[in-house]
Amino acid sequence: MRRQLQRRNLQQKRNSVVNRSQGTLSKGDEEMGSEIIQDEDAMKRIEELVVSDRSSTMLVCIQGTEEGEVCGEIYSCYLKEPIWFSGVGDMVLKLDEMCNWVGMPHATTDPRFLNMETERRYREAGSHHPQADRSNLTYTMDQIPFKQALKAREVLIVYVKYRQFSSLQGSIRGKITKGKVVNFRSALELMRMISMIQL
């Protein structure tokens, strides 16, 4: 029942976005949504994020490039604000940190460090994020990042299923995968996939 209500609300929001792109809303709504362009693929990725019960499902919005590296924002249902990344390495590290913050999935090994000081800093920074709250999904229909996703150059759903062998395993789906689910067996493999995106 809850999923049906979420899907119905999402459909209403989607229709609102379509109406904005077709110019059939009031003047105030037109001003608010003047930059929105309908993108069915981005809407599908948002729907996957909203109706998913998986706490380790994240929406990655690639906004462009900085110094030849992809950059953008990562959204999670459990964080009030997006997490900015710059480069595929930074994106993978942020995905791993976000999994730590929400507590899912659990890492099967403890990370290693070059020295005690770097370990201490890592543990302090990664123990808890002030925004993370697994007891309450932060996304209401007004908080779903429609505008950001529709403005993004590429929108991906990343599902981190496991964190084994000090790495990440899961799946990714987006326009670049032609809507198919593509599995990755390590963070390196995910980095290679993302690095091949041409904007």
Foldseek 3Di string as FASTA:
>chain_A
DVLVVQVVLLVVVLVLLVCLQVVNDDPVSVVVNVPFDDDVQLSVLLSCQRSDPAQLKKKWFFAQADPLFTWGWIDTQFFQDTDTAHHLVRVQVVSVLSCLAQVPPDAPDDDDDPDPVVVVVCCVVRNHDPRGDNVDGNDDPVRRPNRRSRNGPWMKIWGFHYNYPNFTWGWMATVVNVGDIDIDDGSVRVNVVNSPDDD
